[in-house]
Protein backbone atom coordinates (compact mmCIF):
# COMPACT_ATOMS: atom_id res chain seq x y z
CA MET A 1 -8.89 27.24 9.07
CA VAL A 2 -7.85 23.88 9.59
CA ASN A 3 -8.96 20.96 7.37
CA ARG A 4 -9.49 18.37 9.63
CA ILE A 5 -8.58 15.57 6.80
CA SER A 6 -5.76 16.08 4.50
CA VAL A 7 -5.45 13.37 1.48
CA VAL A 8 -2.07 12.70 -0.17
CA ILE A 9 -1.73 11.26 -3.44
CA PRO A 10 1.74 10.51 -5.40
CA THR A 11 0.77 11.12 -9.52
CA PHE A 12 3.13 9.70 -12.44
CA ASN A 13 1.11 10.42 -15.79
CA ALA A 14 -1.91 9.31 -14.08
CA GLY A 15 -4.55 11.30 -16.68
CA LYS A 16 -6.72 8.18 -17.31
CA TYR A 17 -7.25 7.88 -13.09
CA ILE A 18 -6.94 11.19 -11.61
CA ASP A 19 -10.19 12.66 -13.04
CA LYS A 20 -12.07 10.05 -11.57
CA LEU A 21 -10.34 9.71 -8.69
CA LEU A 22 -10.33 13.31 -7.72
CA ALA A 23 -14.45 13.26 -8.68
CA SER A 24 -14.45 10.06 -5.65
CA ILE A 25 -12.81 12.61 -2.82
CA LYS A 26 -15.17 15.48 -3.90
CA SER A 27 -18.13 13.24 -3.56
CA GLN A 28 -16.93 11.96 0.47
CA THR A 29 -19.32 12.92 3.26
CA ILE A 30 -16.14 14.44 4.75
CA PRO A 31 -14.63 17.12 2.83
CA CYS A 32 -10.60 16.82 2.40
CA GLU A 33 -7.66 19.17 1.67
CA VAL A 34 -6.17 17.17 -1.52
CA VAL A 35 -2.13 17.75 -2.16
CA VAL A 36 -0.98 16.05 -5.56
CA ILE A 37 2.87 15.13 -5.41
CA ASP A 38 3.49 14.75 -9.43
CA SER A 39 6.81 12.93 -10.69
CA SER A 40 6.95 15.20 -13.65
CA SER A 41 4.38 13.56 -15.73
CA ALA A 42 4.32 14.33 -19.53
CA ASP A 43 0.12 14.17 -19.73
CA ASN A 44 -2.08 16.91 -18.18
CA THR A 45 -2.02 15.01 -14.92
CA VAL A 46 -1.33 18.72 -12.74
CA ALA A 47 -3.89 20.25 -15.03
CA ILE A 48 -6.87 17.73 -14.41
CA SER A 49 -5.36 17.93 -10.11
CA GLU A 50 -5.74 21.74 -10.21
CA SER A 51 -9.04 22.27 -12.06
CA PHE A 52 -10.40 19.99 -9.12
CA GLY A 53 -8.68 22.31 -6.58
CA ALA A 54 -6.14 19.89 -5.38
CA LYS A 55 -2.64 21.70 -4.20
CA THR A 56 -0.24 20.65 -6.72
CA ILE A 57 3.79 19.45 -6.05
CA SER A 58 6.11 18.41 -8.68
CA ILE A 59 9.38 16.62 -8.29
CA ASN A 60 11.66 14.99 -10.76
CA LYS A 61 11.01 11.68 -12.28
CA GLU A 62 14.71 10.89 -10.93
CA ASP A 63 13.85 11.89 -7.48
CA PHE A 64 10.95 9.97 -6.63
CA ASN A 65 10.63 7.44 -3.85
CA HIS A 66 7.54 5.79 -2.48
CA GLY A 67 8.87 7.24 0.97
CA ARG A 68 9.93 10.66 0.28
CA ALA A 69 7.44 11.47 -2.13
CA ARG A 70 4.74 10.68 0.16
CA ASN A 71 6.58 12.56 3.15
CA MET A 72 7.43 15.38 1.65
CA ALA A 73 3.53 15.82 0.34
CA ALA A 74 2.03 15.40 4.33
CA SER A 75 4.58 18.01 4.91
CA HIS A 76 2.39 20.36 2.22
CA THR A 77 -0.94 19.29 4.28
CA LYS A 78 -2.79 20.81 7.42
CA GLY A 79 -5.08 18.10 8.74
CA ASP A 80 -4.31 16.15 11.74
CA ILE A 81 -5.14 12.90 10.14
CA ILE A 82 -3.49 12.09 6.57
CA VAL A 83 -5.08 9.60 3.94
CA PHE A 84 -3.05 8.16 1.45
CA LEU A 85 -4.33 6.98 -1.62
CA THR A 86 -2.43 5.78 -5.21
CA GLN A 87 -3.64 7.27 -8.20
CA ASP A 88 -5.41 4.20 -9.87
CA VAL A 89 -7.58 3.84 -6.74
CA LEU A 90 -11.29 4.57 -6.84
CA LEU A 91 -13.31 4.92 -3.77
CA PHE A 92 -16.22 3.04 -3.43
CA ASP A 93 -18.79 5.20 -2.47
CA ALA A 94 -19.48 8.91 -0.24
CA PHE A 95 -18.57 7.29 3.01
CA SER A 96 -15.40 5.78 2.07
CA ILE A 97 -13.23 7.92 3.65
CA GLU A 98 -15.55 8.68 6.56
CA ARG A 99 -15.41 4.82 7.34
CA LEU A 100 -11.94 4.69 7.10
CA THR A 101 -10.77 7.16 9.61
CA ALA A 102 -13.83 6.83 12.05
CA PRO A 103 -11.47 4.40 14.27
CA ILE A 104 -8.59 7.28 14.40
CA GLU A 105 -11.02 9.18 16.71
CA LYS A 106 -11.06 6.59 18.49
CA ASN A 107 -8.29 4.24 19.98
CA VAL A 108 -6.11 3.46 17.22
CA ALA A 109 -3.52 5.51 15.25
CA ALA A 110 -3.64 4.28 11.53
CA SER A 111 -6.17 2.46 9.56
CA TYR A 112 -6.62 0.88 5.92
CA GLY A 113 -9.72 0.13 4.05
CA ARG A 114 -10.51 -2.87 2.09
CA GLN A 115 -9.40 -3.06 -1.70
CA ILE A 116 -12.15 -4.60 -4.31
CA PRO A 117 -10.53 -5.79 -7.01
CA GLU A 118 -12.00 -4.73 -10.90
CA ASP A 119 -14.42 -6.71 -12.50
CA ILE A 120 -11.84 -7.08 -15.54
CA ALA A 121 -9.19 -8.51 -12.72
CA LYS A 122 -7.77 -11.63 -13.63
CA PRO A 123 -8.48 -14.76 -10.95
CA THR A 124 -5.49 -14.78 -9.40
CA GLU A 125 -5.35 -11.12 -8.49
CA LYS A 126 -9.38 -11.60 -7.17
CA PHE A 127 -8.27 -13.89 -4.59
CA ALA A 128 -5.17 -12.42 -3.53
CA ARG A 129 -7.60 -9.27 -2.86
CA CYS A 130 -10.05 -11.31 -1.00
CA PHE A 131 -7.45 -13.00 1.10
CA ASN A 132 -5.60 -9.87 2.11
CA TYR A 133 -8.66 -7.80 2.22
CA PRO A 134 -11.70 -9.94 4.21
CA GLU A 135 -14.65 -9.10 5.50
CA THR A 136 -13.95 -9.29 8.87
CA PRO A 137 -12.37 -6.23 10.70
CA VAL A 138 -9.34 -6.71 12.92
CA VAL A 139 -7.22 -4.00 14.94
CA ARG A 140 -3.80 -5.22 15.75
CA GLY A 141 -0.67 -4.35 17.60
CA ILE A 142 2.63 -5.39 18.58
CA GLU A 143 1.48 -8.70 20.66
CA ASP A 144 -0.33 -9.98 18.07
CA THR A 145 2.99 -11.06 16.29
CA ALA A 146 3.22 -14.32 18.55
CA LYS A 147 0.06 -15.48 16.47
CA SER A 148 0.12 -13.71 13.00
CA GLY A 149 3.48 -13.44 12.88
CA ILE A 150 5.10 -10.64 9.86
CA LYS A 151 1.21 -10.36 8.74
CA THR A 152 0.71 -8.51 11.63
CA PHE A 153 2.39 -5.36 10.20
CA PHE A 154 0.32 -5.83 6.91
CA PHE A 155 -0.62 -2.14 6.21
CA SER A 156 -1.71 -0.56 2.55
CA ASN A 157 -1.26 3.31 1.22
CA ALA A 158 -2.89 2.48 -1.44
CA PHE A 159 -6.01 3.52 0.88
CA SER A 160 -5.27 4.03 4.59
CA ALA A 161 -5.41 6.56 6.87
CA VAL A 162 -2.46 7.78 9.74
CA ARG A 163 -3.32 10.47 12.48
CA ARG A 164 -0.37 13.62 12.11
CA HIS A 165 1.01 13.19 15.48
CA GLU A 166 1.62 9.87 15.13
CA PHE A 167 2.83 9.70 11.75
CA GLU A 168 5.47 11.89 13.25
CA MET A 169 6.40 10.17 16.04
CA ALA A 170 6.65 6.72 14.17
CA GLY A 171 9.45 8.70 11.84
CA ARG A 172 7.06 9.14 8.54
CA PHE A 173 7.65 6.49 5.83
CA PRO A 174 11.09 5.45 5.82
CA GLU A 175 13.28 7.04 3.17
CA ASP A 176 15.80 4.42 2.26
CA LEU A 177 13.61 1.61 0.67
CA ILE A 178 12.32 0.95 -2.77
CA MET A 179 9.18 -0.76 -1.57
CA PHE A 180 7.08 -1.49 1.43
CA GLU A 181 7.66 1.46 2.78
CA ASP A 182 4.20 1.02 4.25
CA MET A 183 4.77 -2.15 6.35
CA ILE A 184 7.93 -1.20 7.45
CA PHE A 185 6.27 2.11 8.93
CA ALA A 186 3.42 0.00 10.37
CA ALA A 187 5.90 -2.30 12.16
CA LYS A 188 7.59 1.14 13.57
CA LEU A 189 4.11 2.11 14.93
CA MET A 190 3.18 -1.03 16.76
CA LEU A 191 6.70 -1.25 18.35
CA LYS A 192 6.09 2.08 19.52
CA GLY A 193 2.98 0.52 21.25
CA TYR A 194 0.17 1.87 18.70
CA ARG A 195 -2.65 -0.19 17.18
CA ILE A 196 -3.89 -0.48 13.73
CA ALA A 197 -7.21 -1.01 12.53
CA TYR A 198 -8.60 -2.91 9.16
CA ILE A 199 -11.91 -1.35 8.32
CA PRO A 200 -13.90 -3.58 5.75
CA ASP A 201 -16.53 -1.39 6.03
CA ALA A 202 -14.36 1.60 3.83
CA LYS A 203 -13.88 0.24 0.58
CA ALA A 204 -11.69 1.18 -2.78
CA ILE A 205 -11.93 -0.61 -6.10
CA HIS A 206 -8.39 -1.40 -6.92
CA SER A 207 -6.48 -4.43 -8.10
CA HIS A 208 -3.00 -4.84 -10.56
CA ASP A 209 -2.30 -7.31 -13.87
CA TYR A 210 1.20 -7.93 -12.80
CA SER A 211 3.15 -10.24 -15.59
CA TRP A 212 5.31 -12.66 -14.32
CA GLY A 213 8.00 -10.51 -14.70
CA GLU A 214 6.59 -7.92 -12.80
CA GLN A 215 5.38 -9.86 -9.78
CA PHE A 216 9.31 -11.20 -10.08
CA GLU A 217 10.57 -8.00 -9.63
CA ARG A 218 8.21 -6.54 -7.10
CA TYR A 219 9.27 -9.59 -4.79
CA PHE A 220 12.59 -8.65 -5.39
CA ARG A 221 12.73 -5.20 -4.35
CA ALA A 222 10.32 -6.46 -1.01
CA GLY A 223 13.33 -8.72 -0.48
CA VAL A 224 15.73 -6.47 -0.71
CA SER A 225 14.19 -3.63 1.25
CA PHE A 226 13.15 -6.62 3.84
CA LYS A 227 17.14 -7.20 4.29
CA LYS A 228 17.81 -3.81 4.62
CA ASN A 229 15.76 -3.87 7.70
CA SER A 230 16.78 -7.28 9.06
CA TRP A 231 14.85 -6.46 12.69
CA PHE A 232 11.49 -6.98 10.46
CA LEU A 233 12.59 -10.15 9.27
CA GLU A 234 12.55 -11.72 12.92
CA PHE A 235 8.77 -11.61 12.76
CA ALA A 236 8.56 -13.74 9.96
CA ARG A 237 7.89 -17.36 10.20
CA SER A 238 9.88 -18.99 7.64
CA ASP A 239 7.62 -19.65 4.33
CA SER A 240 4.52 -20.63 6.16
CA GLU A 241 2.66 -17.76 5.44
CA GLY A 242 3.36 -17.92 1.18
CA ILE A 243 2.39 -21.41 1.50
CA ARG A 244 -1.02 -20.87 3.16
CA PHE A 245 -1.64 -18.29 0.40
CA LEU A 246 -0.90 -20.38 -2.53
CA THR A 247 -2.32 -23.52 -0.77
CA LYS A 248 -5.64 -21.39 -0.67
CA GLU A 249 -5.51 -19.56 -3.90
CA VAL A 250 -4.97 -23.19 -5.71
CA LYS A 251 -8.01 -24.94 -4.11
CA TYR A 252 -10.17 -21.61 -4.47
CA LEU A 253 -9.09 -21.42 -8.07
CA LEU A 254 -9.88 -25.31 -8.61
CA GLN A 255 -13.44 -25.16 -6.97
CA SER A 256 -14.05 -22.22 -9.29
CA ASN A 257 -13.73 -24.43 -12.33
CA ALA A 258 -10.22 -22.33 -13.25
CA CYS A 259 -7.95 -24.91 -13.64
CA ARG A 260 -5.50 -23.25 -15.82
CA TRP A 261 -5.32 -20.43 -13.57
CA ALA A 262 -4.42 -22.87 -10.87
CA ILE A 263 -1.70 -23.69 -12.76
CA TYR A 264 -0.95 -20.10 -13.54
CA ALA A 265 -1.02 -19.57 -9.81
CA MET A 266 1.81 -22.07 -9.37
CA ILE A 267 4.20 -20.63 -12.11
CA GLU A 268 3.54 -16.93 -10.67
CA ALA A 269 4.41 -18.17 -6.87
CA ALA A 270 7.28 -19.42 -8.32
CA PHE A 271 8.29 -15.91 -9.83
CA LYS A 272 7.46 -14.26 -6.75
CA TYR A 273 9.47 -16.85 -4.30
CA SER A 274 12.53 -16.62 -6.48
CA GLY A 275 12.47 -12.84 -6.70
CA TYR A 276 11.77 -12.64 -3.06
CA LYS A 277 14.82 -14.71 -2.15
CA LEU A 278 16.98 -13.28 -4.58
CA GLY A 279 16.18 -9.99 -3.03
CA LEU A 280 17.13 -11.26 0.21
CA ASN A 281 20.48 -11.88 -0.98
CA TYR A 282 21.05 -9.26 -3.11
CA ASP A 283 23.88 -8.02 -0.83
CA LYS A 284 25.80 -11.50 -1.99
CA ILE A 285 26.01 -10.39 -5.45
CA PRO A 286 28.18 -7.56 -6.25
CA TYR A 287 26.09 -5.86 -9.32
CA LEU A 288 23.23 -5.77 -7.34
CA ARG A 289 24.91 -4.95 -3.71
CA LYS A 290 26.22 -1.86 -6.17
CA LYS A 291 22.85 -1.12 -7.49
CA HIS A 292 21.16 -1.04 -4.63
CA ARG A 293 23.36 0.36 -2.42
CA ASN A 294 21.65 4.13 -1.65
CA GLU A 295 18.34 2.71 -1.96
């Protein structure tokens, strides 16, 4: 019997997350096949996953790649809709997957849900989640690039779903990138004429606590990934999206009487911007060009 929905979760030392995540999957209104692809965890991630009935695949930590790991796990699934989650996500309620996958039953090839920050998330992270995951649903296609630019392709495989047929048709996630394989995949999907839905009623709890240095590294990786897909950058509208984000963020923080966090946000933006620009120009620096040649 073929499962209608398959869930893919890449893991590494996920012991403090995985039991809660798997329990939230088990409580869904729709039964799901679960495949965990683990990068040689040193804790009890695999044992916990198997105790919940998940199929587990182990790979060497050195062989991990965001796109490759997800593609490998997807090849071991049976469902015709594949849900992608990260290990630190927690499904908000029993309807999360049902609501996430509902549009795929109709007229879209993929969907992603709303990510709600944890209560302990810092103010800048709470704003980022509200900015990127608003309350209004939307369905986007390639025709929206004239209005939304590169934002058209926003898509997060931390909490998303793709119909298997279109996943294969678009070539799966790219395996030669160090980051943002999900957005590149979304762009390729839309360039083939498919549409992607954002479903705010499908919710998951997910946020980060990145330091300035981690943000620099993250945006550097984004720059490298986008540089290797120069066609993708043709849809970018200079730095207007980043400026719009920072302007709204500072306004939000000041209105929330979080003045010191407004200063923090501006410094953080400088780290993001410098990391991104360095990533876009990595090929002009011999050491970086050699380091990221095969990534």
